[in-house]
PDB file of all heavy atoms in Angstrom:
ATOM      1  N   PHE A   1      -9.396  11.785 -15.911  1.00  0.00           N
ATOM      2  CA  PHE A   1      -8.956  10.298 -16.017  1.00  0.00           C
ATOM      3  C   PHE A   1      -7.840  10.173 -14.903  1.00  0.00           C
ATOM      4  O   PHE A   1      -6.783  10.444 -15.128  1.00  0.00           O
ATOM      5  CB  PHE A   1      -8.399  10.017 -17.386  1.00  0.00           C
ATOM      6  CG  PHE A   1      -8.223   8.613 -17.734  1.00  0.00           C
ATOM      7  CD1 PHE A   1      -9.195   7.861 -18.210  1.00  0.00           C
ATOM      8  CD2 PHE A   1      -6.960   7.963 -17.640  1.00  0.00           C
ATOM      9  CE1 PHE A   1      -9.006   6.555 -18.676  1.00  0.00           C
ATOM     10  CE2 PHE A   1      -6.745   6.624 -18.004  1.00  0.00           C
ATOM     11  CZ  PHE A   1      -7.764   5.994 -18.454  1.00  0.00           C
ATOM     12  N   PRO A   2      -8.267   9.590 -13.664  1.00  0.00           N
ATOM     13  CA  PRO A   2      -7.436   9.735 -12.584  1.00  0.00           C
ATOM     14  C   PRO A   2      -6.023   9.175 -12.736  1.00  0.00           C
ATOM     15  O   PRO A   2      -5.036   9.747 -12.189  1.00  0.00           O
ATOM     16  CB  PRO A   2      -8.191   8.838 -11.542  1.00  0.00           C
ATOM     17  CG  PRO A   2      -9.609   8.904 -11.892  1.00  0.00           C
ATOM     18  CD  PRO A   2      -9.553   8.952 -13.516  1.00  0.00           C
ATOM     19  N   GLU A   3      -5.750   8.130 -13.443  1.00  0.00           N
ATOM     20  CA  GLU A   3      -4.423   7.532 -13.629  1.00  0.00           C
ATOM     21  C   GLU A   3      -3.408   8.577 -14.294  1.00  0.00           C
ATOM     22  O   GLU A   3      -2.315   8.395 -14.248  1.00  0.00           O
ATOM     23  CB  GLU A   3      -4.562   6.319 -14.475  1.00  0.00           C
ATOM     24  CG  GLU A   3      -3.624   5.187 -14.002  1.00  0.00           C
ATOM     25  CD  GLU A   3      -2.092   5.386 -14.366  1.00  0.00           C
ATOM     26  OE1 GLU A   3      -1.931   5.826 -15.629  1.00  0.00           O
ATOM     27  OE2 GLU A   3      -1.287   5.154 -13.569  1.00  0.00           O
ATOM     28  N   ARG A   4      -4.091   9.579 -15.129  1.00  0.00           N
ATOM     29  CA  ARG A   4      -3.201  10.433 -15.888  1.00  0.00           C
ATOM     30  C   ARG A   4      -3.210  11.927 -15.589  1.00  0.00           C
ATOM     31  O   ARG A   4      -2.825  12.659 -16.300  1.00  0.00           O
ATOM     32  CB  ARG A   4      -3.602  10.273 -17.350  1.00  0.00           C
ATOM     33  CG  ARG A   4      -3.511   8.752 -17.871  1.00  0.00           C
ATOM     34  CD  ARG A   4      -2.032   8.309 -17.921  1.00  0.00           C
ATOM     35  NE  ARG A   4      -1.978   6.844 -17.931  1.00  0.00           N
ATOM     36  CZ  ARG A   4      -2.230   6.093 -19.020  1.00  0.00           C
ATOM     37  NH1 ARG A   4      -2.521   6.601 -20.142  1.00  0.00           N
ATOM     38  NH2 ARG A   4      -2.004   4.807 -18.840  1.00  0.00           N
ATOM     39  N   PHE A   5      -3.937  12.245 -14.406  1.00  0.00           N
ATOM     40  CA  PHE A   5      -4.078  13.692 -14.080  1.00  0.00           C
ATOM     41  C   PHE A   5      -2.795  14.214 -13.372  1.00  0.00           C
ATOM     42  O   PHE A   5      -2.261  15.187 -13.702  1.00  0.00           O
ATOM     43  CB  PHE A   5      -5.339  13.937 -13.405  1.00  0.00           C
ATOM     44  CG  PHE A   5      -5.666  15.329 -13.222  1.00  0.00           C
ATOM     45  CD1 PHE A   5      -5.847  16.230 -14.293  1.00  0.00           C
ATOM     46  CD2 PHE A   5      -5.633  15.960 -12.028  1.00  0.00           C
ATOM     47  CE1 PHE A   5      -6.151  17.546 -14.249  1.00  0.00           C
ATOM     48  CE2 PHE A   5      -5.959  17.366 -11.870  1.00  0.00           C
ATOM     49  CZ  PHE A   5      -6.221  18.096 -12.893  1.00  0.00           C
ATOM     50  N   ALA A   6      -2.545  13.566 -12.284  1.00  0.00           N
ATOM     51  CA  ALA A   6      -1.365  14.039 -11.393  1.00  0.00           C
ATOM     52  C   ALA A   6      -1.037  12.921 -10.375  1.00  0.00           C
ATOM     53  O   ALA A   6      -1.886  12.353  -9.884  1.00  0.00           O
ATOM     54  CB  ALA A   6      -1.607  15.391 -10.754  1.00  0.00           C
ATOM     55  N   ASN A   7       0.304  12.684 -10.165  1.00  0.00           N
ATOM     56  CA  ASN A   7       0.788  11.871  -9.163  1.00  0.00           C
ATOM     57  C   ASN A   7       1.255  12.566  -7.936  1.00  0.00           C
ATOM     58  O   ASN A   7       2.205  13.206  -7.975  1.00  0.00           O
ATOM     59  CB  ASN A   7       1.889  10.997  -9.761  1.00  0.00           C
ATOM     60  CG  ASN A   7       2.388   9.843  -8.814  1.00  0.00           C
ATOM     61  OD1 ASN A   7       1.951   9.804  -7.599  1.00  0.00           O
ATOM     62  ND2 ASN A   7       3.127   8.941  -9.362  1.00  0.00           N
ATOM     63  N   GLY A   8       0.408  12.543  -6.873  1.00  0.00           N
ATOM     64  CA  GLY A   8       0.799  13.208  -5.677  1.00  0.00           C
ATOM     65  C   GLY A   8       1.289  12.398  -4.569  1.00  0.00           C
ATOM     66  O   GLY A   8       1.835  12.903  -3.542  1.00  0.00           O
ATOM     67  N   ASN A   9       1.289  11.020  -4.762  1.00  0.00           N
ATOM     68  CA  ASN A   9       1.728  10.148  -3.670  1.00  0.00           C
ATOM     69  C   ASN A   9       2.372   9.003  -4.365  1.00  0.00           C
ATOM     70  O   ASN A   9       1.623   8.078  -4.681  1.00  0.00           O
ATOM     71  CB  ASN A   9       0.630   9.704  -2.754  1.00  0.00           C
ATOM     72  CG  ASN A   9       1.132   8.754  -1.572  1.00  0.00           C
ATOM     73  OD1 ASN A   9       2.293   8.587  -1.458  1.00  0.00           O
ATOM     74  ND2 ASN A   9       0.142   8.326  -0.788  1.00  0.00           N
ATOM     75  N   LYS A  10       3.705   8.984  -4.460  1.00  0.00           N
ATOM     76  CA  LYS A  10       4.373   7.914  -5.141  1.00  0.00           C
ATOM     77  C   LYS A  10       4.322   6.598  -4.355  1.00  0.00           C
ATOM     78  O   LYS A  10       4.570   5.433  -4.874  1.00  0.00           O
ATOM     79  CB  LYS A  10       5.833   8.252  -5.446  1.00  0.00           C
ATOM     80  CG  LYS A  10       6.020   9.396  -6.452  1.00  0.00           C
ATOM     81  CD  LYS A  10       7.375   9.655  -6.745  1.00  0.00           C
ATOM     82  CE  LYS A  10       7.553  10.860  -7.734  1.00  0.00           C
ATOM     83  NZ  LYS A  10       6.819  10.566  -8.973  1.00  0.00           N
ATOM     84  N   ALA A  11       3.992   6.685  -3.081  1.00  0.00           N
ATOM     85  CA  ALA A  11       3.915   5.479  -2.167  1.00  0.00           C
ATOM     86  C   ALA A  11       2.823   4.514  -2.622  1.00  0.00           C
ATOM     87  O   ALA A  11       2.963   3.315  -2.380  1.00  0.00           O
ATOM     88  CB  ALA A  11       3.751   5.857  -0.739  1.00  0.00           C
ATOM     89  N   ASN A  12       1.816   4.983  -3.333  1.00  0.00           N
ATOM     90  CA  ASN A  12       0.656   4.022  -3.764  1.00  0.00           C
ATOM     91  C   ASN A  12       0.779   3.736  -5.221  1.00  0.00           C
ATOM     92  O   ASN A  12      -0.130   3.317  -5.834  1.00  0.00           O
ATOM     93  CB  ASN A  12      -0.666   4.627  -3.399  1.00  0.00           C
ATOM     94  CG  ASN A  12      -0.961   6.022  -3.950  1.00  0.00           C
ATOM     95  OD1 ASN A  12      -0.333   6.421  -4.975  1.00  0.00           O
ATOM     96  ND2 ASN A  12      -1.901   6.744  -3.231  1.00  0.00           N
ATOM     97  N   ASP A  13       1.938   4.106  -5.930  1.00  0.00           N
ATOM     98  CA  ASP A  13       2.034   3.792  -7.323  1.00  0.00           C
ATOM     99  C   ASP A  13       1.924   2.331  -7.564  1.00  0.00           C
ATOM    100  O   ASP A  13       2.411   1.499  -6.818  1.00  0.00           O
ATOM    101  CB  ASP A  13       3.466   4.230  -7.843  1.00  0.00           C
ATOM    102  CG  ASP A  13       3.534   5.695  -7.945  1.00  0.00           C
ATOM    103  OD1 ASP A  13       2.506   6.394  -7.702  1.00  0.00           O
ATOM    104  OD2 ASP A  13       4.507   6.239  -8.536  1.00  0.00           O
ATOM    105  N   PRO A  14       1.220   1.946  -8.601  1.00  0.00           N
ATOM    106  CA  PRO A  14       1.131   0.477  -9.053  1.00  0.00           C
ATOM    107  C   PRO A  14       2.581  -0.048  -9.418  1.00  0.00           C
ATOM    108  O   PRO A  14       3.407   0.760  -9.775  1.00  0.00           O
ATOM    109  CB  PRO A  14       0.137   0.522 -10.176  1.00  0.00           C
ATOM    110  CG  PRO A  14       0.211   1.768 -10.747  1.00  0.00           C
ATOM    111  CD  PRO A  14       0.449   2.757  -9.523  1.00  0.00           C
ATOM    112  N   GLU A  15       2.720  -1.268  -9.346  1.00  0.00           N
ATOM    113  CA  GLU A  15       4.028  -1.902  -9.661  1.00  0.00           C
ATOM    114  C   GLU A  15       4.413  -1.554 -11.199  1.00  0.00           C
ATOM    115  O   GLU A  15       3.515  -1.762 -11.996  1.00  0.00           O
ATOM    116  CB  GLU A  15       3.886  -3.467  -9.407  1.00  0.00           C
ATOM    117  CG  GLU A  15       5.240  -4.096  -9.687  1.00  0.00           C
ATOM    118  CD  GLU A  15       5.192  -5.572  -9.414  1.00  0.00           C
ATOM    119  OE1 GLU A  15       4.204  -6.042  -8.894  1.00  0.00           O
ATOM    120  OE2 GLU A  15       6.200  -6.255  -9.766  1.00  0.00           O
ATOM    121  N   GLY A  16       5.517  -1.213 -11.292  1.00  0.00           N
ATOM    122  CA  GLY A  16       5.995  -0.845 -12.768  1.00  0.00           C
ATOM    123  C   GLY A  16       5.692   0.535 -13.223  1.00  0.00           C
ATOM    124  O   GLY A  16       5.775   0.768 -14.395  1.00  0.00           O
ATOM    125  N   ALA A  17       5.101   1.335 -12.370  1.00  0.00           N
ATOM    126  CA  ALA A  17       4.649   2.694 -12.774  1.00  0.00           C
ATOM    127  C   ALA A  17       5.868   3.475 -13.346  1.00  0.00           C
ATOM    128  O   ALA A  17       7.025   3.479 -12.804  1.00  0.00           O
ATOM    129  CB  ALA A  17       4.057   3.427 -11.635  1.00  0.00           C
ATOM    130  N   LEU A  18       5.630   4.129 -14.423  1.00  0.00           N
ATOM    131  CA  LEU A  18       6.707   4.864 -15.189  1.00  0.00           C
ATOM    132  C   LEU A  18       6.745   6.379 -14.573  1.00  0.00           C
ATOM    133  O   LEU A  18       5.770   6.820 -13.998  1.00  0.00           O
ATOM    134  CB  LEU A  18       6.486   4.931 -16.496  1.00  0.00           C
ATOM    135  CG  LEU A  18       6.285   3.641 -17.297  1.00  0.00           C
ATOM    136  CD1 LEU A  18       5.799   3.824 -18.727  1.00  0.00           C
ATOM    137  CD2 LEU A  18       7.571   2.920 -17.348  1.00  0.00           C
ATOM    138  N   PRO A  19       8.019   6.993 -14.704  1.00  0.00           N
ATOM    139  CA  PRO A  19       8.094   8.411 -14.297  1.00  0.00           C
ATOM    140  C   PRO A  19       7.003   9.162 -15.028  1.00  0.00           C
ATOM    141  O   PRO A  19       6.708   8.920 -16.244  1.00  0.00           O
ATOM    142  CB  PRO A  19       9.488   8.801 -14.605  1.00  0.00           C
ATOM    143  CG  PRO A  19      10.255   7.483 -14.592  1.00  0.00           C
ATOM    144  CD  PRO A  19       9.225   6.373 -15.104  1.00  0.00           C
ATOM    145  N   TRP A  20       6.413  10.255 -14.474  1.00  0.00           N
ATOM    146  CA  TRP A  20       5.292  11.020 -15.038  1.00  0.00           C
ATOM    147  C   TRP A  20       5.664  11.591 -16.414  1.00  0.00           C
ATOM    148  O   TRP A  20       6.637  12.254 -16.692  1.00  0.00           O
ATOM    149  CB  TRP A  20       4.956  12.149 -14.137  1.00  0.00           C
ATOM    150  CG  TRP A  20       3.621  12.772 -14.494  1.00  0.00           C
ATOM    151  CD1 TRP A  20       3.437  13.900 -15.139  1.00  0.00           C
ATOM    152  CD2 TRP A  20       2.392  12.300 -14.265  1.00  0.00           C
ATOM    153  NE1 TRP A  20       2.131  14.212 -15.307  1.00  0.00           N
ATOM    154  CE2 TRP A  20       1.412  13.252 -14.738  1.00  0.00           C
ATOM    155  CE3 TRP A  20       1.903  11.070 -13.659  1.00  0.00           C
ATOM    156  CZ2 TRP A  20      -0.026  12.917 -14.670  1.00  0.00           C
ATOM    157  CZ3 TRP A  20       0.566  10.755 -13.577  1.00  0.00           C
ATOM    158  CH2 TRP A  20      -0.446  11.760 -14.083  1.00  0.00           C
ATOM    159  N   GLY A  21       4.849  11.144 -17.375  1.00  0.00           N
ATOM    160  CA  GLY A  21       4.966  11.664 -18.807  1.00  0.00           C
ATOM    161  C   GLY A  21       6.254  11.186 -19.555  1.00  0.00           C
ATOM    162  O   GLY A  21       6.615  11.852 -20.547  1.00  0.00           O
ATOM    163  N   SER A  22       6.928  10.118 -19.046  1.00  0.00           N
ATOM    164  CA  SER A  22       8.250   9.658 -19.555  1.00  0.00           C
ATOM    165  C   SER A  22       7.986   8.855 -20.796  1.00  0.00           C
ATOM    166  O   SER A  22       8.943   8.555 -21.485  1.00  0.00           O
ATOM    167  CB  SER A  22       9.016   8.966 -18.596  1.00  0.00           C
ATOM    168  OG  SER A  22       8.291   7.799 -18.127  1.00  0.00           O
ATOM    169  N   ALA A  23       6.786   8.403 -21.073  1.00  0.00           N
ATOM    170  CA  ALA A  23       6.496   7.567 -22.311  1.00  0.00           C
ATOM    171  C   ALA A  23       5.157   7.851 -22.799  1.00  0.00           C
ATOM    172  O   ALA A  23       4.268   8.379 -22.143  1.00  0.00           O
ATOM    173  CB  ALA A  23       6.587   6.144 -21.888  1.00  0.00           C
ATOM    174  N   GLU A  24       4.975   7.422 -24.084  1.00  0.00           N
ATOM    175  CA  GLU A  24       3.579   7.556 -24.703  1.00  0.00           C
ATOM    176  C   GLU A  24       2.672   6.512 -23.937  1.00  0.00           C
ATOM    177  O   GLU A  24       3.051   5.385 -23.526  1.00  0.00           O
ATOM    178  CB  GLU A  24       3.682   7.240 -26.146  1.00  0.00           C
ATOM    179  CG  GLU A  24       4.396   8.288 -27.000  1.00  0.00           C
ATOM    180  CD  GLU A  24       3.688   9.632 -26.832  1.00  0.00           C
ATOM    181  OE1 GLU A  24       2.491   9.648 -27.136  1.00  0.00           O
ATOM    182  OE2 GLU A  24       4.289  10.614 -26.628  1.00  0.00           O
ATOM    183  N   PRO A  25       1.301   6.877 -23.747  1.00  0.00           N
ATOM    184  CA  PRO A  25       0.443   5.958 -23.029  1.00  0.00           C
ATOM    185  C   PRO A  25       0.207   4.730 -23.995  1.00  0.00           C
ATOM    186  O   PRO A  25       0.181   4.852 -25.192  1.00  0.00           O
ATOM    187  CB  PRO A  25      -0.784   6.878 -23.010  1.00  0.00           C
ATOM    188  CG  PRO A  25      -0.678   7.910 -24.054  1.00  0.00           C
ATOM    189  CD  PRO A  25       0.688   8.180 -24.217  1.00  0.00           C
ATOM    190  N   THR A  26       0.064   3.645 -23.249  1.00  0.00           N
ATOM    191  CA  THR A  26      -0.375   2.367 -23.934  1.00  0.00           C
ATOM    192  C   THR A  26      -1.597   1.898 -23.273  1.00  0.00           C
ATOM    193  O   THR A  26      -1.894   2.351 -22.110  1.00  0.00           O
ATOM    194  CB  THR A  26       0.734   1.347 -23.934  1.00  0.00           C
ATOM    195  OG1 THR A  26       0.906   0.874 -22.527  1.00  0.00           O
ATOM    196  CG2 THR A  26       2.104   1.946 -24.478  1.00  0.00           C
ATOM    197  N   PRO A  27      -2.188   0.809 -23.754  1.00  0.00           N
ATOM    198  CA  PRO A  27      -3.364   0.257 -23.019  1.00  0.00           C
ATOM    199  C   PRO A  27      -3.032  -0.305 -21.721  1.00  0.00           C
ATOM    200  O   PRO A  27      -3.865  -0.693 -20.911  1.00  0.00           O
ATOM    201  CB  PRO A  27      -3.986  -0.764 -24.001  1.00  0.00           C
ATOM    202  CG  PRO A  27      -3.448  -0.362 -25.364  1.00  0.00           C
ATOM    203  CD  PRO A  27      -2.098   0.217 -25.107  1.00  0.00           C
ATOM    204  N   THR A  28      -1.661  -0.677 -21.447  1.00  0.00           N
ATOM    205  CA  THR A  28      -1.236  -1.322 -20.275  1.00  0.00           C
ATOM    206  C   THR A  28      -0.401  -0.600 -19.249  1.00  0.00           C
ATOM    207  O   THR A  28      -0.138  -1.119 -18.186  1.00  0.00           O
ATOM    208  CB  THR A  28      -0.622  -2.715 -20.665  1.00  0.00           C
ATOM    209  OG1 THR A  28       0.451  -2.516 -21.587  1.00  0.00           O
ATOM    210  CG2 THR A  28      -1.686  -3.548 -21.387  1.00  0.00           C
ATOM    211  N   ASN A  29       0.191   0.476 -19.747  1.00  0.00           N
ATOM    212  CA  ASN A  29       1.099   1.209 -18.869  1.00  0.00           C
ATOM    213  C   ASN A  29       0.530   1.980 -17.802  1.00  0.00           C
ATOM    214  O   ASN A  29      -0.571   2.457 -17.891  1.00  0.00           O
ATOM    215  CB  ASN A  29       2.360   1.809 -19.550  1.00  0.00           C
ATOM    216  CG  ASN A  29       1.845   2.972 -20.574  1.00  0.00           C
ATOM    217  OD1 ASN A  29       0.658   3.362 -20.411  1.00  0.00           O
ATOM    218  ND2 ASN A  29       2.717   3.572 -21.232  1.00  0.00           N
ATOM    219  N   PHE A  30       1.278   2.310 -16.631  1.00  0.00           N
ATOM    220  CA  PHE A  30       0.765   3.121 -15.517  1.00  0.00           C
ATOM    221  C   PHE A  30       1.919   4.252 -15.273  1.00  0.00           C
ATOM    222  O   PHE A  30       2.967   4.090 -15.395  1.00  0.00           O
ATOM    223  CB  PHE A  30       0.604   2.263 -14.286  1.00  0.00           C
ATOM    224  CG  PHE A  30      -0.463   1.278 -14.362  1.00  0.00           C
ATOM    225  CD1 PHE A  30      -0.293   0.075 -15.076  1.00  0.00           C
ATOM    226  CD2 PHE A  30      -1.719   1.496 -13.843  1.00  0.00           C
ATOM    227  CE1 PHE A  30      -1.380  -0.921 -15.027  1.00  0.00           C
ATOM    228  CE2 PHE A  30      -2.788   0.580 -13.956  1.00  0.00           C
ATOM    229  CZ  PHE A  30      -2.614  -0.679 -14.534  1.00  0.00           C
ATOM    230  N   PHE A  31       1.264   5.423 -14.761  1.00  0.00           N
ATOM    231  CA  PHE A  31       2.072   6.548 -14.461  1.00  0.00           C
ATOM    232  C   PHE A  31       1.841   7.031 -13.003  1.00  0.00           C
ATOM    233  O   PHE A  31       2.478   7.880 -12.430  1.00  0.00           O
ATOM    234  CB  PHE A  31       1.936   7.653 -15.377  1.00  0.00           C
ATOM    235  CG  PHE A  31       2.327   7.396 -16.798  1.00  0.00           C
ATOM    236  CD1 PHE A  31       1.521   6.774 -17.691  1.00  0.00           C
ATOM    237  CD2 PHE A  31       3.604   7.663 -17.114  1.00  0.00           C
ATOM    238  CE1 PHE A  31       1.949   6.540 -18.899  1.00  0.00           C
ATOM    239  CE2 PHE A  31       4.054   7.387 -18.429  1.00  0.00           C
ATOM    240  CZ  PHE A  31       3.257   6.846 -19.364  1.00  0.00           C
ATOM    241  N   GLY A  32       0.778   6.319 -12.229  1.00  0.00           N
ATOM    242  CA  GLY A  32       0.673   6.618 -10.853  1.00  0.00           C
ATOM    243  C   GLY A  32      -0.246   7.751 -10.494  1.00  0.00           C
ATOM    244  O   GLY A  32      -0.186   8.212  -9.436  1.00  0.00           O
ATOM    245  N   GLY A  33      -1.131   8.269 -11.408  1.00  0.00           N
ATOM    246  CA  GLY A  33      -2.032   9.341 -11.044  1.00  0.00           C
ATOM    247  C   GLY A  33      -2.897   8.863  -9.930  1.00  0.00           C
ATOM    248  O   GLY A  33      -3.245   7.680  -9.705  1.00  0.00           O
ATOM    249  N   ASP A  34      -3.253   9.835  -9.035  1.00  0.00           N
ATOM    250  CA  ASP A  34      -4.006   9.512  -7.711  1.00  0.00           C
ATOM    251  C   ASP A  34      -4.786  10.690  -7.225  1.00  0.00           C
ATOM    252  O   ASP A  34      -4.717  11.803  -7.910  1.00  0.00           O
ATOM    253  CB  ASP A  34      -3.136   8.948  -6.789  1.00  0.00           C
ATOM    254  CG  ASP A  34      -1.906   9.899  -6.427  1.00  0.00           C
ATOM    255  OD1 ASP A  34      -2.068  11.018  -6.547  1.00  0.00           O
ATOM    256  OD2 ASP A  34      -0.846   9.345  -5.925  1.00  0.00           O
ATOM    257  N   PHE A  35      -5.453  10.521  -6.115  1.00  0.00           N
ATOM    258  CA  PHE A  35      -6.361  11.604  -5.563  1.00  0.00           C
ATOM    259  C   PHE A  35      -5.489  12.694  -5.044  1.00  0.00           C
ATOM    260  O   PHE A  35      -5.861  13.902  -5.022  1.00  0.00           O
ATOM    261  CB  PHE A  35      -7.232  10.997  -4.431  1.00  0.00           C
ATOM    262  CG  PHE A  35      -8.187  10.019  -4.905  1.00  0.00           C
ATOM    263  CD1 PHE A  35      -8.693   9.022  -4.031  1.00  0.00           C
ATOM    264  CD2 PHE A  35      -8.844  10.162  -6.053  1.00  0.00           C
ATOM    265  CE1 PHE A  35      -9.633   8.079  -4.554  1.00  0.00           C
ATOM    266  CE2 PHE A  35      -9.821   9.195  -6.524  1.00  0.00           C
ATOM    267  CZ  PHE A  35     -10.162   8.210  -5.733  1.00  0.00           C
ATOM    268  N   GLU A  36      -4.316  12.362  -4.358  1.00  0.00           N
ATOM    269  CA  GLU A  36      -3.518  13.435  -3.848  1.00  0.00           C
ATOM    270  C   GLU A  36      -3.029  14.394  -4.960  1.00  0.00           C
ATOM    271  O   GLU A  36      -2.947  15.566  -4.811  1.00  0.00           O
ATOM    272  CB  GLU A  36      -2.259  12.837  -3.123  1.00  0.00           C
ATOM    273  CG  GLU A  36      -2.483  12.140  -1.825  1.00  0.00           C
ATOM    274  CD  GLU A  36      -2.899  13.106  -0.747  1.00  0.00           C
ATOM    275  OE1 GLU A  36      -2.785  14.385  -0.965  1.00  0.00           O
ATOM    276  OE2 GLU A  36      -3.178  12.731   0.368  1.00  0.00           O
ATOM    277  N   GLY A  37      -2.799  13.840  -6.140  1.00  0.00           N
ATOM    278  CA  GLY A  37      -2.436  14.688  -7.253  1.00  0.00           C
ATOM    279  C   GLY A  37      -3.568  15.567  -7.670  1.00  0.00           C
ATOM    280  O   GLY A  37      -3.319  16.800  -7.968  1.00  0.00           O
ATOM    281  N   VAL A  38      -4.803  15.076  -7.579  1.00  0.00           N
ATOM    282  CA  VAL A  38      -5.942  15.886  -7.953  1.00  0.00           C
ATOM    283  C   VAL A  38      -6.108  16.957  -6.887  1.00  0.00           C
ATOM    284  O   VAL A  38      -6.267  18.246  -7.259  1.00  0.00           O
ATOM    285  CB  VAL A  38      -7.207  15.041  -7.971  1.00  0.00           C
ATOM    286  CG1 VAL A  38      -8.398  16.040  -8.238  1.00  0.00           C
ATOM    287  CG2 VAL A  38      -7.025  14.030  -9.099  1.00  0.00           C
ATOM    288  N   ILE A  39      -5.935  16.684  -5.667  1.00  0.00           N
ATOM    289  CA  ILE A  39      -6.102  17.659  -4.619  1.00  0.00           C
ATOM    290  C   ILE A  39      -5.071  18.828  -4.696  1.00  0.00           C
ATOM    291  O   ILE A  39      -5.307  20.027  -4.499  1.00  0.00           O
ATOM    292  CB  ILE A  39      -6.067  17.010  -3.249  1.00  0.00           C
ATOM    293  CG1 ILE A  39      -7.244  16.096  -3.024  1.00  0.00           C
ATOM    294  CG2 ILE A  39      -6.053  18.078  -2.130  1.00  0.00           C
ATOM    295  CD1 ILE A  39      -7.148  15.333  -1.767  1.00  0.00           C
ATOM    296  N   GLU A  40      -3.872  18.369  -5.068  1.00  0.00           N
ATOM    297  CA  GLU A  40      -2.744  19.295  -5.243  1.00  0.00           C
ATOM    298  C   GLU A  40      -2.953  20.364  -6.313  1.00  0.00           C
ATOM    299  O   GLU A  40      -2.392  21.478  -6.226  1.00  0.00           O
ATOM    300  CB  GLU A  40      -1.371  18.555  -5.354  1.00  0.00           C
ATOM    301  CG  GLU A  40      -0.836  17.864  -4.206  1.00  0.00           C
ATOM    302  CD  GLU A  40       0.381  17.015  -4.534  1.00  0.00           C
ATOM    303  OE1 GLU A  40       0.808  17.149  -5.777  1.00  0.00           O
ATOM    304  OE2 GLU A  40       0.989  16.379  -3.691  1.00  0.00           O
ATOM    305  N   HIS A  41      -3.751  19.997  -7.242  1.00  0.00           N
ATOM    306  CA  HIS A  41      -3.870  20.879  -8.471  1.00  0.00           C
ATOM    307  C   HIS A  41      -5.272  21.491  -8.595  1.00  0.00           C
ATOM    308  O   HIS A  41      -5.743  21.918  -9.640  1.00  0.00           O
ATOM    309  CB  HIS A  41      -3.619  20.118  -9.727  1.00  0.00           C
ATOM    310  CG  HIS A  41      -2.144  19.791  -9.922  1.00  0.00           C
ATOM    311  ND1 HIS A  41      -1.157  20.633 -10.243  1.00  0.00           N
ATOM    312  CD2 HIS A  41      -1.506  18.609  -9.728  1.00  0.00           C
ATOM    313  CE1 HIS A  41      -0.054  20.048 -10.359  1.00  0.00           C
ATOM    314  NE2 HIS A  41      -0.115  18.912 -10.024  1.00  0.00           N
ATOM    315  N   ILE A  42      -5.986  21.528  -7.412  1.00  0.00           N
ATOM    316  CA  ILE A  42      -7.329  22.154  -7.453  1.00  0.00           C
ATOM    317  C   ILE A  42      -7.194  23.611  -7.826  1.00  0.00           C
ATOM    318  O   ILE A  42      -8.205  24.179  -8.471  1.00  0.00           O
ATOM    319  CB  ILE A  42      -7.971  21.981  -6.061  1.00  0.00           C
ATOM    320  CG1 ILE A  42      -9.533  22.316  -6.150  1.00  0.00           C
ATOM    321  CG2 ILE A  42      -7.269  22.836  -4.910  1.00  0.00           C
ATOM    322  CD1 ILE A  42     -10.338  21.962  -4.919  1.00  0.00           C
ATOM    323  N   ASP A  43      -6.121  24.287  -7.634  1.00  0.00           N
ATOM    324  CA  ASP A  43      -6.122  25.702  -7.939  1.00  0.00           C
ATOM    325  C   ASP A  43      -6.116  25.906  -9.473  1.00  0.00           C
ATOM    326  O   ASP A  43      -6.717  26.926  -9.942  1.00  0.00           O
ATOM    327  CB  ASP A  43      -4.728  26.303  -7.502  1.00  0.00           C
ATOM    328  CG  ASP A  43      -4.679  26.542  -5.954  1.00  0.00           C
ATOM    329  OD1 ASP A  43      -5.669  26.320  -5.288  1.00  0.00           O
ATOM    330  OD2 ASP A  43      -3.568  26.754  -5.360  1.00  0.00           O
ATOM    331  N   HIS A  44      -5.643  24.968 -10.215  1.00  0.00           N
ATOM    332  CA  HIS A  44      -5.760  25.012 -11.635  1.00  0.00           C
ATOM    333  C   HIS A  44      -7.207  24.936 -12.023  1.00  0.00           C
ATOM    334  O   HIS A  44      -7.672  25.719 -12.986  1.00  0.00           O
ATOM    335  CB  HIS A  44      -4.943  23.703 -12.241  1.00  0.00           C
ATOM    336  CG  HIS A  44      -5.109  23.572 -13.678  1.00  0.00           C
ATOM    337  ND1 HIS A  44      -4.319  24.321 -14.654  1.00  0.00           N
ATOM    338  CD2 HIS A  44      -5.971  22.956 -14.528  1.00  0.00           C
ATOM    339  CE1 HIS A  44      -4.636  24.009 -15.841  1.00  0.00           C
ATOM    340  NE2 HIS A  44      -5.698  23.177 -15.816  1.00  0.00           N
TER     341      HIS A  44
END
């Protein structure tokens, strides 16, 4: 689920994005997950 896997580039965070894992997920909040985050964690 790209929005919640990893935030690798804070420059493209949507407006109002919360710090990673700082709150429980809701239908409307954002944490900034992106492709750079996925690439960074390919070793996992």
